[in-house]
N, C-alpha and C. Protein backbone atom coordinates (compact mmCIF):
# COMPACT_ATOMS: atom_id res chain seq x y z
N MET A 1 7.74 1.51 -4.12
CA MET A 1 7.12 1.12 -2.89
C MET A 1 7.38 2.22 -1.83
N GLN A 2 8.02 3.27 -2.14
CA GLN A 2 8.36 4.35 -1.06
C GLN A 2 7.16 5.04 -0.80
N LEU A 3 6.24 5.40 -1.70
CA LEU A 3 5.18 6.11 -1.34
C LEU A 3 3.92 5.39 -2.11
N TYR A 4 3.11 4.81 -1.26
CA TYR A 4 2.20 3.83 -1.86
C TYR A 4 0.86 4.28 -1.32
N LEU A 5 0.10 4.65 -2.47
CA LEU A 5 -1.27 5.11 -2.36
C LEU A 5 -2.29 4.07 -2.30
N VAL A 6 -3.24 4.00 -1.37
CA VAL A 6 -4.26 2.96 -1.29
C VAL A 6 -5.50 3.92 -1.52
N THR A 7 -6.45 3.50 -2.38
CA THR A 7 -7.38 4.45 -2.85
C THR A 7 -8.70 4.12 -1.91
N ASP A 8 -9.40 5.23 -1.76
CA ASP A 8 -10.65 5.22 -0.98
C ASP A 8 -11.48 6.39 -1.35
N GLU A 9 -12.55 6.06 -2.11
CA GLU A 9 -13.46 6.95 -2.76
C GLU A 9 -14.06 8.06 -1.74
N PRO A 10 -14.56 7.59 -0.55
CA PRO A 10 -15.02 8.51 0.39
C PRO A 10 -14.14 9.40 0.87
N ALA A 11 -12.82 9.11 0.91
CA ALA A 11 -11.78 9.98 1.47
C ALA A 11 -11.32 10.88 0.52
N CYS A 12 -11.92 10.67 -0.89
CA CYS A 12 -11.53 11.88 -1.97
C CYS A 12 -12.49 13.17 -1.77
N ARG A 13 -13.40 12.91 -0.94
CA ARG A 13 -14.34 14.18 -0.48
C ARG A 13 -15.09 14.62 -1.72
N GLY A 14 -15.64 13.72 -2.47
CA GLY A 14 -16.36 14.03 -3.56
C GLY A 14 -15.83 14.34 -4.99
N ARG A 15 -14.39 14.23 -4.91
CA ARG A 15 -13.66 14.59 -6.10
C ARG A 15 -13.49 13.32 -6.88
N ASP A 16 -13.38 13.33 -8.19
CA ASP A 16 -13.09 12.10 -8.91
C ASP A 16 -11.86 11.46 -8.61
N LEU A 17 -11.96 10.11 -8.33
CA LEU A 17 -11.01 9.37 -7.76
C LEU A 17 -9.82 9.37 -8.75
N PHE A 18 -10.21 9.18 -10.08
CA PHE A 18 -8.92 9.07 -11.27
C PHE A 18 -8.23 10.41 -11.12
N TRP A 19 -8.82 11.59 -10.85
CA TRP A 19 -8.13 12.78 -10.89
C TRP A 19 -7.25 12.71 -9.67
N VAL A 20 -7.86 12.34 -8.49
CA VAL A 20 -6.96 12.34 -7.16
C VAL A 20 -5.81 11.37 -7.56
N VAL A 21 -5.82 10.30 -8.13
CA VAL A 21 -4.79 9.34 -8.14
C VAL A 21 -3.80 9.87 -9.23
N GLU A 22 -4.30 10.62 -10.30
CA GLU A 22 -3.25 11.16 -11.31
C GLU A 22 -2.48 12.40 -10.55
N GLU A 23 -3.02 13.22 -9.86
CA GLU A 23 -2.47 14.15 -9.16
C GLU A 23 -1.45 13.63 -8.21
N ALA A 24 -1.85 12.55 -7.47
CA ALA A 24 -0.96 11.97 -6.43
C ALA A 24 0.16 11.47 -7.20
N VAL A 25 0.02 10.79 -8.34
CA VAL A 25 1.11 10.23 -9.15
C VAL A 25 2.13 11.44 -9.60
N ARG A 26 1.70 12.37 -10.22
CA ARG A 26 2.43 13.40 -10.37
C ARG A 26 3.11 14.09 -9.30
N GLY A 27 2.73 14.00 -8.11
CA GLY A 27 3.41 14.42 -6.95
C GLY A 27 4.26 13.55 -6.62
N GLY A 28 4.33 12.42 -6.67
CA GLY A 28 5.39 11.39 -6.41
C GLY A 28 4.98 9.91 -6.01
N VAL A 29 3.75 9.69 -5.86
CA VAL A 29 3.40 8.32 -5.57
C VAL A 29 4.01 7.21 -6.47
N THR A 30 4.33 6.22 -5.99
CA THR A 30 5.36 5.23 -6.74
C THR A 30 4.46 3.85 -6.87
N MET A 31 3.42 3.69 -6.25
CA MET A 31 2.64 2.60 -6.18
C MET A 31 1.18 2.78 -5.72
N VAL A 32 0.15 2.22 -6.64
CA VAL A 32 -1.22 2.44 -6.14
C VAL A 32 -1.93 1.20 -6.08
N GLN A 33 -2.67 0.95 -4.97
CA GLN A 33 -3.48 0.03 -4.62
C GLN A 33 -4.94 0.38 -4.83
N LEU A 34 -5.66 -0.33 -5.69
CA LEU A 34 -7.15 -0.18 -5.88
C LEU A 34 -7.89 -1.04 -4.87
N ARG A 35 -8.46 -0.48 -4.03
CA ARG A 35 -9.20 -1.03 -2.76
C ARG A 35 -10.71 -0.68 -2.92
N GLU A 36 -11.56 -1.59 -3.30
CA GLU A 36 -12.96 -1.43 -3.31
C GLU A 36 -13.53 -2.58 -2.50
N LYS A 37 -14.50 -2.10 -1.57
CA LYS A 37 -15.21 -3.17 -0.80
C LYS A 37 -16.57 -3.38 -1.13
N SER A 38 -17.19 -2.36 -1.92
CA SER A 38 -18.51 -2.52 -2.20
C SER A 38 -18.85 -2.52 -3.75
N LEU A 39 -17.98 -2.35 -4.52
CA LEU A 39 -18.09 -2.51 -5.88
C LEU A 39 -18.46 -3.95 -6.54
N GLY A 40 -19.38 -4.29 -7.29
CA GLY A 40 -19.56 -5.49 -7.81
C GLY A 40 -18.39 -5.95 -8.77
N THR A 41 -18.08 -7.10 -9.14
CA THR A 41 -16.96 -7.64 -9.68
C THR A 41 -16.71 -6.98 -11.23
N ARG A 42 -17.78 -6.75 -11.91
CA ARG A 42 -17.49 -6.16 -13.22
C ARG A 42 -17.32 -4.81 -13.15
N ALA A 43 -17.93 -3.87 -12.23
CA ALA A 43 -17.37 -2.70 -12.00
C ALA A 43 -15.84 -2.40 -11.49
N PHE A 44 -15.76 -3.30 -10.50
CA PHE A 44 -14.30 -3.37 -10.04
C PHE A 44 -13.33 -3.61 -11.23
N VAL A 45 -13.46 -4.60 -12.09
CA VAL A 45 -12.54 -4.68 -13.28
C VAL A 45 -12.39 -3.58 -14.19
N ASP A 46 -13.66 -3.07 -14.33
CA ASP A 46 -13.65 -1.89 -15.40
C ASP A 46 -12.92 -0.69 -14.76
N ARG A 47 -12.92 -0.60 -13.46
CA ARG A 47 -12.23 0.55 -12.78
C ARG A 47 -10.85 0.32 -12.72
N ALA A 48 -10.41 -1.14 -12.59
CA ALA A 48 -9.14 -1.53 -12.71
C ALA A 48 -8.30 -1.27 -14.02
N ILE A 49 -8.98 -1.57 -14.97
CA ILE A 49 -8.68 -1.45 -16.26
C ILE A 49 -8.34 -0.01 -16.59
N ARG A 50 -9.22 0.83 -16.27
CA ARG A 50 -9.04 2.30 -16.50
C ARG A 50 -7.95 2.72 -15.62
N LEU A 51 -7.81 2.27 -14.48
CA LEU A 51 -6.69 2.94 -13.69
C LEU A 51 -5.15 2.46 -14.06
N LYS A 52 -5.40 1.34 -14.40
CA LYS A 52 -4.04 0.65 -15.02
C LYS A 52 -3.72 1.36 -16.25
N ALA A 53 -4.69 1.84 -17.23
CA ALA A 53 -4.18 2.52 -18.21
C ALA A 53 -3.80 4.01 -17.87
N LEU A 54 -4.45 4.60 -16.96
CA LEU A 54 -4.03 5.90 -16.39
C LEU A 54 -2.50 5.92 -15.96
N LEU A 55 -2.31 4.70 -15.20
CA LEU A 55 -0.91 4.63 -14.50
C LEU A 55 0.29 4.36 -15.42
N LYS A 56 -0.07 3.53 -16.45
CA LYS A 56 1.01 3.13 -17.41
C LYS A 56 2.01 4.09 -17.78
N PRO A 57 1.70 5.31 -18.37
CA PRO A 57 2.47 6.36 -18.84
C PRO A 57 3.46 6.72 -17.74
N TYR A 58 3.17 6.65 -16.43
CA TYR A 58 4.02 7.02 -15.30
C TYR A 58 4.88 5.87 -14.79
N ASN A 59 4.72 4.73 -15.40
CA ASN A 59 5.37 3.49 -14.94
C ASN A 59 5.16 3.25 -13.48
N VAL A 60 3.83 3.45 -12.98
CA VAL A 60 3.54 3.08 -11.62
C VAL A 60 2.81 1.89 -11.48
N PRO A 61 3.07 1.00 -10.78
CA PRO A 61 2.37 -0.26 -10.72
C PRO A 61 0.99 -0.18 -10.11
N LEU A 62 -0.01 -0.89 -10.57
CA LEU A 62 -1.25 -1.02 -10.14
C LEU A 62 -1.49 -2.41 -9.28
N ILE A 63 -1.82 -2.22 -7.99
CA ILE A 63 -2.11 -3.49 -7.15
C ILE A 63 -3.40 -3.50 -6.82
N ILE A 64 -4.05 -4.72 -6.83
CA ILE A 64 -5.53 -4.87 -6.42
C ILE A 64 -5.63 -5.45 -5.18
N ASN A 65 -6.31 -4.87 -4.30
CA ASN A 65 -6.73 -5.30 -2.82
C ASN A 65 -7.63 -6.56 -2.98
N ASP A 66 -6.96 -7.69 -2.30
CA ASP A 66 -7.83 -8.83 -2.04
C ASP A 66 -8.21 -9.71 -3.33
N ARG A 67 -8.73 -9.28 -4.33
CA ARG A 67 -9.16 -9.87 -5.37
C ARG A 67 -8.36 -10.33 -6.52
N VAL A 68 -7.95 -11.55 -6.45
CA VAL A 68 -7.00 -12.22 -7.48
C VAL A 68 -7.78 -12.11 -8.87
N ASP A 69 -9.09 -12.44 -8.81
CA ASP A 69 -9.81 -12.56 -10.07
C ASP A 69 -9.66 -11.26 -10.79
N VAL A 70 -9.92 -10.14 -10.02
CA VAL A 70 -9.95 -8.76 -10.63
C VAL A 70 -8.62 -8.43 -11.14
N ALA A 71 -7.52 -8.87 -10.28
CA ALA A 71 -6.25 -8.57 -10.75
C ALA A 71 -5.90 -9.18 -12.16
N LEU A 72 -6.40 -10.54 -12.19
CA LEU A 72 -6.08 -11.37 -13.48
C LEU A 72 -6.89 -10.74 -14.61
N ALA A 73 -8.16 -10.27 -14.49
CA ALA A 73 -9.07 -9.87 -15.39
C ALA A 73 -8.52 -8.47 -15.93
N SER A 74 -7.85 -7.73 -15.04
CA SER A 74 -7.44 -6.46 -15.62
C SER A 74 -5.99 -6.35 -15.96
N ASP A 75 -5.30 -7.45 -15.82
CA ASP A 75 -3.85 -7.47 -15.88
C ASP A 75 -3.10 -6.48 -14.97
N ALA A 76 -3.66 -6.33 -13.94
CA ALA A 76 -2.71 -5.60 -12.84
C ALA A 76 -1.48 -6.20 -12.60
N ASP A 77 -0.71 -5.32 -11.97
CA ASP A 77 0.63 -5.56 -11.66
C ASP A 77 0.87 -6.51 -10.50
N GLY A 78 -0.23 -6.71 -9.61
CA GLY A 78 -0.04 -7.62 -8.55
C GLY A 78 -1.25 -7.33 -7.61
N VAL A 79 -1.18 -8.36 -6.47
CA VAL A 79 -2.38 -8.15 -5.48
C VAL A 79 -1.81 -7.84 -4.07
N HIS A 80 -2.55 -7.37 -3.28
CA HIS A 80 -2.32 -7.18 -1.76
C HIS A 80 -3.31 -8.14 -1.16
N ILE A 81 -2.86 -9.01 -0.29
CA ILE A 81 -3.74 -9.89 0.55
C ILE A 81 -3.53 -9.52 1.94
N GLY A 82 -4.68 -9.82 2.63
CA GLY A 82 -4.69 -9.62 4.15
C GLY A 82 -4.75 -10.97 4.71
N GLN A 83 -4.68 -11.26 6.02
CA GLN A 83 -4.74 -12.43 6.67
C GLN A 83 -6.08 -13.37 6.67
N SER A 84 -6.99 -12.71 6.19
CA SER A 84 -8.26 -13.41 6.07
C SER A 84 -8.57 -13.75 4.45
N ASP A 85 -7.80 -13.34 3.63
CA ASP A 85 -8.14 -13.50 2.22
C ASP A 85 -7.69 -15.05 1.63
N LEU A 86 -7.28 -15.02 0.35
CA LEU A 86 -6.95 -16.32 -0.08
C LEU A 86 -5.50 -16.71 0.49
N PRO A 87 -5.18 -17.83 0.81
CA PRO A 87 -3.83 -18.23 1.36
C PRO A 87 -2.59 -17.94 0.04
N TYR A 88 -1.54 -17.55 0.83
CA TYR A 88 -0.35 -17.24 0.10
C TYR A 88 -0.21 -18.15 -1.01
N GLU A 89 -0.03 -19.39 -0.80
CA GLU A 89 0.29 -20.57 -1.68
C GLU A 89 -0.81 -20.50 -2.85
N THR A 90 -2.02 -20.25 -2.73
CA THR A 90 -3.01 -20.03 -3.68
C THR A 90 -2.92 -18.98 -4.51
N VAL A 91 -2.64 -17.87 -3.93
CA VAL A 91 -2.44 -16.65 -4.79
C VAL A 91 -1.18 -16.85 -5.60
N ARG A 92 -0.18 -17.45 -5.20
CA ARG A 92 1.06 -17.60 -5.98
C ARG A 92 0.84 -18.57 -7.07
N ALA A 93 -0.14 -19.52 -6.93
CA ALA A 93 -0.42 -20.55 -7.82
C ALA A 93 -1.20 -19.73 -9.15
N LEU A 94 -1.99 -19.11 -8.75
CA LEU A 94 -2.91 -18.46 -9.64
C LEU A 94 -2.29 -17.30 -10.43
N LEU A 95 -1.44 -16.42 -9.82
CA LEU A 95 -0.85 -15.37 -10.55
C LEU A 95 0.28 -15.70 -11.45
N PRO A 96 0.34 -15.11 -12.63
CA PRO A 96 1.52 -15.47 -13.37
C PRO A 96 2.83 -14.88 -12.89
N PRO A 97 4.02 -15.67 -13.24
CA PRO A 97 5.34 -15.25 -12.77
C PRO A 97 5.58 -13.65 -12.88
N GLY A 98 6.35 -13.13 -11.97
CA GLY A 98 6.64 -11.77 -12.06
C GLY A 98 5.66 -10.72 -11.56
N LYS A 99 4.39 -11.30 -10.99
CA LYS A 99 3.41 -10.50 -10.54
C LYS A 99 3.89 -10.05 -9.01
N ILE A 100 3.50 -8.84 -8.53
CA ILE A 100 3.76 -8.48 -7.17
C ILE A 100 2.69 -9.08 -6.24
N ILE A 101 3.26 -9.61 -5.02
CA ILE A 101 2.35 -10.05 -4.01
C ILE A 101 2.82 -9.36 -2.68
N GLY A 102 1.83 -8.52 -2.14
CA GLY A 102 1.86 -8.05 -0.92
C GLY A 102 1.08 -8.65 0.26
N LEU A 103 1.58 -8.58 1.30
CA LEU A 103 0.71 -9.26 2.51
C LEU A 103 0.80 -8.37 3.81
N SER A 104 -0.48 -8.29 4.35
CA SER A 104 -0.57 -7.46 5.51
C SER A 104 -0.05 -8.59 6.67
N ALA A 105 0.51 -7.81 7.55
CA ALA A 105 0.93 -8.42 8.84
C ALA A 105 0.52 -7.65 10.14
N GLU A 106 -0.15 -8.34 11.01
CA GLU A 106 -0.58 -7.66 12.11
C GLU A 106 -0.20 -8.16 13.54
N THR A 107 0.39 -9.31 13.44
CA THR A 107 1.14 -9.92 14.59
C THR A 107 2.54 -10.40 14.27
N LYS A 108 3.26 -10.63 15.31
CA LYS A 108 4.63 -11.17 15.12
C LYS A 108 4.63 -12.59 14.56
N GLU A 109 3.44 -13.49 14.77
CA GLU A 109 3.39 -14.66 14.28
C GLU A 109 3.23 -14.41 12.72
N HIS A 110 2.55 -13.51 12.26
CA HIS A 110 2.24 -13.22 10.82
C HIS A 110 3.59 -13.09 10.03
N VAL A 111 4.40 -12.29 10.80
CA VAL A 111 5.83 -11.88 10.49
C VAL A 111 6.54 -13.25 10.29
N ARG A 112 6.58 -14.01 11.21
CA ARG A 112 7.37 -15.37 11.23
C ARG A 112 7.00 -16.16 10.12
N GLU A 113 5.70 -16.24 9.98
CA GLU A 113 5.16 -17.20 9.03
C GLU A 113 5.40 -16.76 7.66
N ALA A 114 5.46 -15.34 7.21
CA ALA A 114 5.78 -14.92 6.11
C ALA A 114 7.25 -15.03 5.63
N GLU A 115 8.20 -15.42 6.59
CA GLU A 115 9.49 -15.76 6.28
C GLU A 115 9.69 -16.98 5.26
N ASN A 116 8.68 -17.70 5.32
CA ASN A 116 8.54 -18.87 4.46
C ASN A 116 8.19 -18.65 2.92
N TRP A 117 7.76 -17.48 2.68
CA TRP A 117 7.14 -16.98 1.36
C TRP A 117 7.96 -15.86 0.57
N GLU A 118 7.84 -15.94 -0.60
CA GLU A 118 8.51 -15.11 -1.58
C GLU A 118 7.63 -13.87 -1.79
N LEU A 119 7.70 -12.93 -1.01
CA LEU A 119 6.80 -11.91 -1.01
C LEU A 119 7.59 -10.61 -1.67
N THR A 120 6.70 -9.74 -2.45
CA THR A 120 7.29 -8.52 -2.85
C THR A 120 7.57 -7.56 -1.69
N TYR A 121 6.50 -7.59 -0.84
CA TYR A 121 6.60 -6.65 0.28
C TYR A 121 5.81 -7.24 1.27
N LEU A 122 6.17 -6.71 2.60
CA LEU A 122 5.34 -7.13 3.85
C LEU A 122 4.85 -5.80 4.36
N ALA A 123 3.56 -5.66 4.62
CA ALA A 123 2.61 -4.40 4.96
C ALA A 123 2.41 -4.47 6.46
N LEU A 124 3.00 -3.88 7.41
CA LEU A 124 2.65 -3.74 8.70
C LEU A 124 1.54 -2.76 8.98
N SER A 125 0.52 -3.58 9.66
CA SER A 125 -1.01 -2.87 9.70
C SER A 125 -1.44 -3.21 10.82
N PRO A 126 -1.79 -1.99 11.65
CA PRO A 126 -1.41 -0.57 11.51
C PRO A 126 -0.13 -0.16 12.23
N LEU A 127 0.58 0.71 11.85
CA LEU A 127 1.85 1.32 12.50
C LEU A 127 1.18 2.04 13.74
N TYR A 128 0.27 3.04 13.32
CA TYR A 128 -0.40 3.78 14.46
C TYR A 128 -1.85 3.64 14.20
N ALA A 129 -2.72 3.94 15.21
CA ALA A 129 -4.13 3.92 15.20
C ALA A 129 -4.65 4.78 14.04
N THR A 130 -5.61 4.34 13.43
CA THR A 130 -6.16 5.33 12.16
C THR A 130 -7.72 4.94 12.19
N PRO A 131 -8.50 6.10 11.84
CA PRO A 131 -9.90 5.72 11.60
C PRO A 131 -10.08 5.11 10.15
N SER A 132 -9.29 5.17 9.46
CA SER A 132 -9.38 4.52 7.95
C SER A 132 -9.66 3.09 8.03
N LYS A 133 -9.12 2.40 9.15
CA LYS A 133 -9.15 0.93 9.25
C LYS A 133 -9.02 0.59 10.77
N THR A 134 -10.31 -0.09 11.01
CA THR A 134 -10.54 -0.24 12.50
C THR A 134 -10.54 -1.73 12.79
N ASP A 135 -10.56 -2.71 11.86
CA ASP A 135 -10.52 -4.29 12.08
C ASP A 135 -9.35 -4.71 11.87
N HIS A 136 -8.58 -4.23 13.07
CA HIS A 136 -6.98 -4.72 13.13
C HIS A 136 -6.67 -5.02 14.56
N ALA A 137 -5.52 -5.56 14.60
CA ALA A 137 -4.76 -5.77 15.91
C ALA A 137 -4.43 -4.58 16.41
N GLU A 138 -3.72 -4.63 17.60
CA GLU A 138 -3.03 -3.53 18.19
C GLU A 138 -2.00 -2.82 17.28
N PRO A 139 -1.93 -1.40 17.25
CA PRO A 139 -0.90 -0.84 16.58
C PRO A 139 0.68 -1.23 16.78
N TRP A 140 1.53 -1.52 15.75
CA TRP A 140 2.73 -1.88 16.00
C TRP A 140 3.68 -1.07 16.92
N GLY A 141 3.46 0.35 16.44
CA GLY A 141 4.37 1.40 17.02
C GLY A 141 5.82 1.27 16.50
N LEU A 142 6.58 2.14 16.86
CA LEU A 142 8.05 2.21 16.28
C LEU A 142 8.55 0.77 16.86
N ALA A 143 8.54 0.40 18.22
CA ALA A 143 9.25 -0.67 18.74
C ALA A 143 8.91 -1.77 18.12
N GLY A 144 7.52 -1.92 17.64
CA GLY A 144 7.28 -3.05 16.95
C GLY A 144 7.78 -2.98 15.42
N LEU A 145 8.01 -1.97 15.00
CA LEU A 145 8.55 -1.78 13.69
C LEU A 145 10.11 -2.27 13.64
N GLN A 146 10.67 -1.80 14.82
CA GLN A 146 12.16 -2.19 14.91
C GLN A 146 12.20 -3.77 14.97
N TRP A 147 11.24 -4.30 15.83
CA TRP A 147 11.50 -5.78 15.84
C TRP A 147 11.16 -6.49 14.43
N VAL A 148 10.26 -6.16 13.76
CA VAL A 148 9.95 -6.72 12.53
C VAL A 148 11.18 -6.49 11.45
N ARG A 149 11.59 -5.37 11.57
CA ARG A 149 12.88 -4.95 10.73
C ARG A 149 14.15 -6.04 11.03
N ALA A 150 14.09 -6.41 12.40
CA ALA A 150 15.24 -7.17 12.73
C ALA A 150 14.98 -8.70 12.59
N ASN A 151 13.70 -8.99 12.38
CA ASN A 151 13.06 -10.47 12.05
C ASN A 151 12.53 -10.68 10.70
N SER A 152 12.59 -9.78 9.92
CA SER A 152 12.05 -10.10 8.50
C SER A 152 13.11 -9.75 7.44
N ARG A 153 13.16 -10.74 6.38
CA ARG A 153 14.11 -10.48 5.35
C ARG A 153 13.11 -9.78 4.08
N HIS A 154 11.93 -9.34 4.27
CA HIS A 154 11.03 -8.85 3.24
C HIS A 154 11.19 -7.24 3.31
N PRO A 155 11.22 -6.55 2.20
CA PRO A 155 11.00 -4.88 2.16
C PRO A 155 9.63 -4.77 3.11
N LEU A 156 9.64 -3.70 3.81
CA LEU A 156 8.63 -3.31 4.78
C LEU A 156 7.89 -2.08 4.31
N VAL A 157 6.63 -1.98 4.14
CA VAL A 157 5.70 -0.93 4.10
C VAL A 157 4.78 -0.84 5.33
N VAL A 158 4.70 0.35 5.80
CA VAL A 158 3.88 0.64 7.02
C VAL A 158 2.59 1.47 6.53
N ILE A 159 1.55 0.82 7.09
CA ILE A 159 0.37 1.74 6.85
C ILE A 159 -0.49 1.90 8.11
N GLY A 160 -1.15 2.97 8.36
CA GLY A 160 -1.92 3.42 9.38
C GLY A 160 -1.52 4.68 10.12
N GLY A 161 -2.13 5.56 9.97
CA GLY A 161 -1.88 7.01 10.71
C GLY A 161 -0.51 7.66 10.23
N LEU A 162 -0.26 7.23 9.02
CA LEU A 162 0.91 8.01 8.31
C LEU A 162 0.81 9.34 7.88
N ASN A 163 1.37 10.10 8.21
CA ASN A 163 1.38 11.58 7.76
C ASN A 163 2.73 12.34 7.74
N GLY A 164 2.60 13.58 7.43
CA GLY A 164 3.92 14.50 7.26
C GLY A 164 4.44 14.57 8.62
N GLU A 165 4.03 14.51 9.62
CA GLU A 165 4.53 14.59 11.04
C GLU A 165 5.43 13.17 11.41
N ASN A 166 5.15 12.13 11.13
CA ASN A 166 5.65 10.82 11.56
C ASN A 166 6.11 10.02 10.53
N THR A 167 6.13 10.54 9.21
CA THR A 167 6.72 9.62 8.13
C THR A 167 8.18 9.43 8.30
N ALA A 168 8.99 10.44 8.56
CA ALA A 168 10.40 10.45 8.59
C ALA A 168 10.66 9.38 9.89
N GLU A 169 10.18 9.35 10.84
CA GLU A 169 10.47 8.43 12.18
C GLU A 169 10.20 6.86 11.68
N ALA A 170 9.23 6.68 10.91
CA ALA A 170 8.99 5.42 10.39
C ALA A 170 10.02 4.87 9.53
N ILE A 171 10.46 5.80 8.61
CA ILE A 171 11.65 5.28 7.54
C ILE A 171 12.76 5.15 8.59
N GLU A 172 13.08 5.87 9.48
CA GLU A 172 14.36 5.87 10.16
C GLU A 172 14.41 4.69 11.11
N ASN A 173 13.20 4.12 11.44
CA ASN A 173 13.13 3.05 12.30
C ASN A 173 12.91 1.57 11.57
N GLY A 174 13.00 1.81 10.35
CA GLY A 174 13.01 0.48 9.39
C GLY A 174 12.16 0.21 8.20
N ALA A 175 11.14 1.18 8.16
CA ALA A 175 10.45 1.01 7.05
C ALA A 175 11.04 1.39 5.77
N ASP A 176 10.81 0.60 4.64
CA ASP A 176 11.32 0.98 3.25
C ASP A 176 10.29 1.97 2.66
N GLY A 177 9.00 1.87 3.18
CA GLY A 177 8.10 2.87 2.48
C GLY A 177 6.93 3.03 3.37
N ILE A 178 5.96 3.91 3.06
CA ILE A 178 4.71 4.12 3.68
C ILE A 178 3.58 4.02 2.79
N ALA A 179 2.47 3.65 3.40
CA ALA A 179 1.23 3.52 2.52
C ALA A 179 0.27 4.33 3.27
N VAL A 180 -0.48 5.26 2.53
CA VAL A 180 -1.47 6.20 2.80
C VAL A 180 -2.59 6.09 2.20
N ILE A 181 -3.73 6.72 2.91
CA ILE A 181 -5.00 6.95 2.37
C ILE A 181 -5.48 8.33 2.36
N SER A 182 -6.01 8.61 3.64
CA SER A 182 -6.38 9.98 3.75
C SER A 182 -5.30 11.03 3.74
N ALA A 183 -4.13 10.84 4.00
CA ALA A 183 -3.01 11.84 3.93
C ALA A 183 -2.90 12.50 2.49
N ILE A 184 -3.45 11.68 1.49
CA ILE A 184 -3.31 12.18 0.17
C ILE A 184 -4.75 12.30 -0.49
N CYS A 185 -5.52 11.32 -0.24
CA CYS A 185 -6.79 11.31 -0.88
C CYS A 185 -7.84 12.43 -0.46
N SER A 186 -7.37 12.85 0.84
CA SER A 186 -8.33 13.80 1.46
C SER A 186 -7.57 15.12 1.40
N ALA A 187 -6.52 15.21 1.11
CA ALA A 187 -5.48 16.46 1.06
C ALA A 187 -6.18 17.61 0.10
N GLU A 188 -6.18 18.76 0.37
CA GLU A 188 -6.81 19.76 -0.46
C GLU A 188 -6.02 19.66 -2.00
N SER A 189 -4.69 19.38 -1.94
CA SER A 189 -3.89 19.22 -3.06
C SER A 189 -3.21 17.77 -2.91
N PRO A 190 -3.77 16.86 -3.51
CA PRO A 190 -3.25 15.52 -3.53
C PRO A 190 -1.68 15.58 -4.08
N ARG A 191 -1.60 16.30 -5.06
CA ARG A 191 -0.19 16.39 -5.78
C ARG A 191 0.70 16.95 -4.77
N THR A 192 0.40 18.03 -4.11
CA THR A 192 1.28 18.77 -3.13
C THR A 192 1.59 17.93 -1.87
N ALA A 193 0.42 17.07 -1.51
CA ALA A 193 0.63 16.24 -0.26
C ALA A 193 1.64 15.09 -0.65
N ALA A 194 1.48 14.50 -1.81
CA ALA A 194 2.25 13.46 -2.25
C ALA A 194 3.79 14.04 -2.46
N TYR A 195 4.01 15.13 -2.87
CA TYR A 195 5.29 15.78 -3.13
C TYR A 195 5.99 15.94 -1.86
N GLN A 196 5.21 16.41 -0.83
CA GLN A 196 5.82 16.47 0.61
C GLN A 196 6.25 15.33 1.20
N LEU A 197 5.24 14.34 0.99
CA LEU A 197 5.65 12.96 1.65
C LEU A 197 6.71 12.30 1.02
N LYS A 198 6.83 12.39 -0.28
CA LYS A 198 8.03 11.80 -1.01
C LYS A 198 9.32 12.60 -0.79
N ASN A 199 9.27 13.74 -0.50
CA ASN A 199 10.50 14.46 0.01
C ASN A 199 10.94 14.18 1.30
N THR A 200 9.83 14.07 2.05
CA THR A 200 10.16 13.61 3.60
C THR A 200 10.84 12.10 3.56
N ILE A 201 10.29 11.34 2.84
CA ILE A 201 10.98 9.96 2.89
C ILE A 201 12.33 9.99 2.29
N GLN A 202 12.64 10.78 1.18
CA GLN A 202 13.92 10.81 0.34
C GLN A 202 14.89 11.36 1.49
N ASN A 203 14.57 12.50 2.12
CA ASN A 203 15.39 13.00 3.27
C ASN A 203 15.60 12.01 4.33
N ALA A 204 14.58 11.26 4.91
CA ALA A 204 14.95 10.33 5.82
C ALA A 204 16.07 9.07 5.55
N LEU A 205 15.58 8.65 4.12
CA LEU A 205 16.46 7.60 3.64
C LEU A 205 18.01 8.23 3.40
N ASN A 206 18.11 9.50 3.00
CA ASN A 206 19.43 10.02 2.91
C ASN A 206 20.30 9.99 4.21
N LYS A 207 19.44 10.27 5.35
CA LYS A 207 20.14 10.27 6.68
C LYS A 207 20.58 8.89 6.99
N ILE A 208 19.97 7.89 6.72
CA ILE A 208 20.40 6.46 6.94
C ILE A 208 21.49 6.07 6.25
N VAL A 209 21.48 6.55 5.04
CA VAL A 209 22.64 6.15 4.05
C VAL A 209 24.00 6.99 4.56
C-alpha cells in the first residue's frame, strides 16, 4: 500500500497504459488500481484480466475501482469503493474471503462510520486539491490527516495532489501510503518517478521509526 498507482489512460499522454503500469511497478509501485469510467463491462473485464497477468510476476495486487462484478470476473485482488458506490456490507457479502476492500473517506463522518467495518485500508480523498478529481469535498490537509490518524484504526492511504514535494510530510503526519495518478502516469519516466516516490516514502518512514 505504500505506493499505490491509480490508472488513468488520458494521464498517460498517449502512451500504452500497460507499459506505463509495468514501468511504474519496476520502479517501486506496490499496488495498482484499475480505474475506468467509460469502458463497457466486457472491455473492462478484459483489461483487468490482462493487467492482473502483468502484475502477477511482481506480486503486486490489482484493485478494481467501483465495480465488484469486474473484480469477480477478473479474479482481481480486491475492490476500492467510494461513498456513492455499493454499501460496504454488500461488497463484503459478494467478495470471497481474503479479498482487499478499500474505502474512500471525504468527511469525518465517513471516518467514524468506517470504524465499524473490516477494511484493508481507508483512503482519504483528497489530501490536497487536484485537477484529477474534482467531485469531492474540501481537501483534508495535514491537520485533517492528523485527526484521522488519531481517530481511525485502519491503515491510511492519501490521494489527491501528492508528488515528490509533499509525500514526506504526508507520511510524517500519519499516512501509511500514498496513491497517485499523474505523478507517475504523466511522468516522462514512470519508472523513475515511482522509484523516487518510493525512496521518499521509505526515508520518511525511517525517520518515524
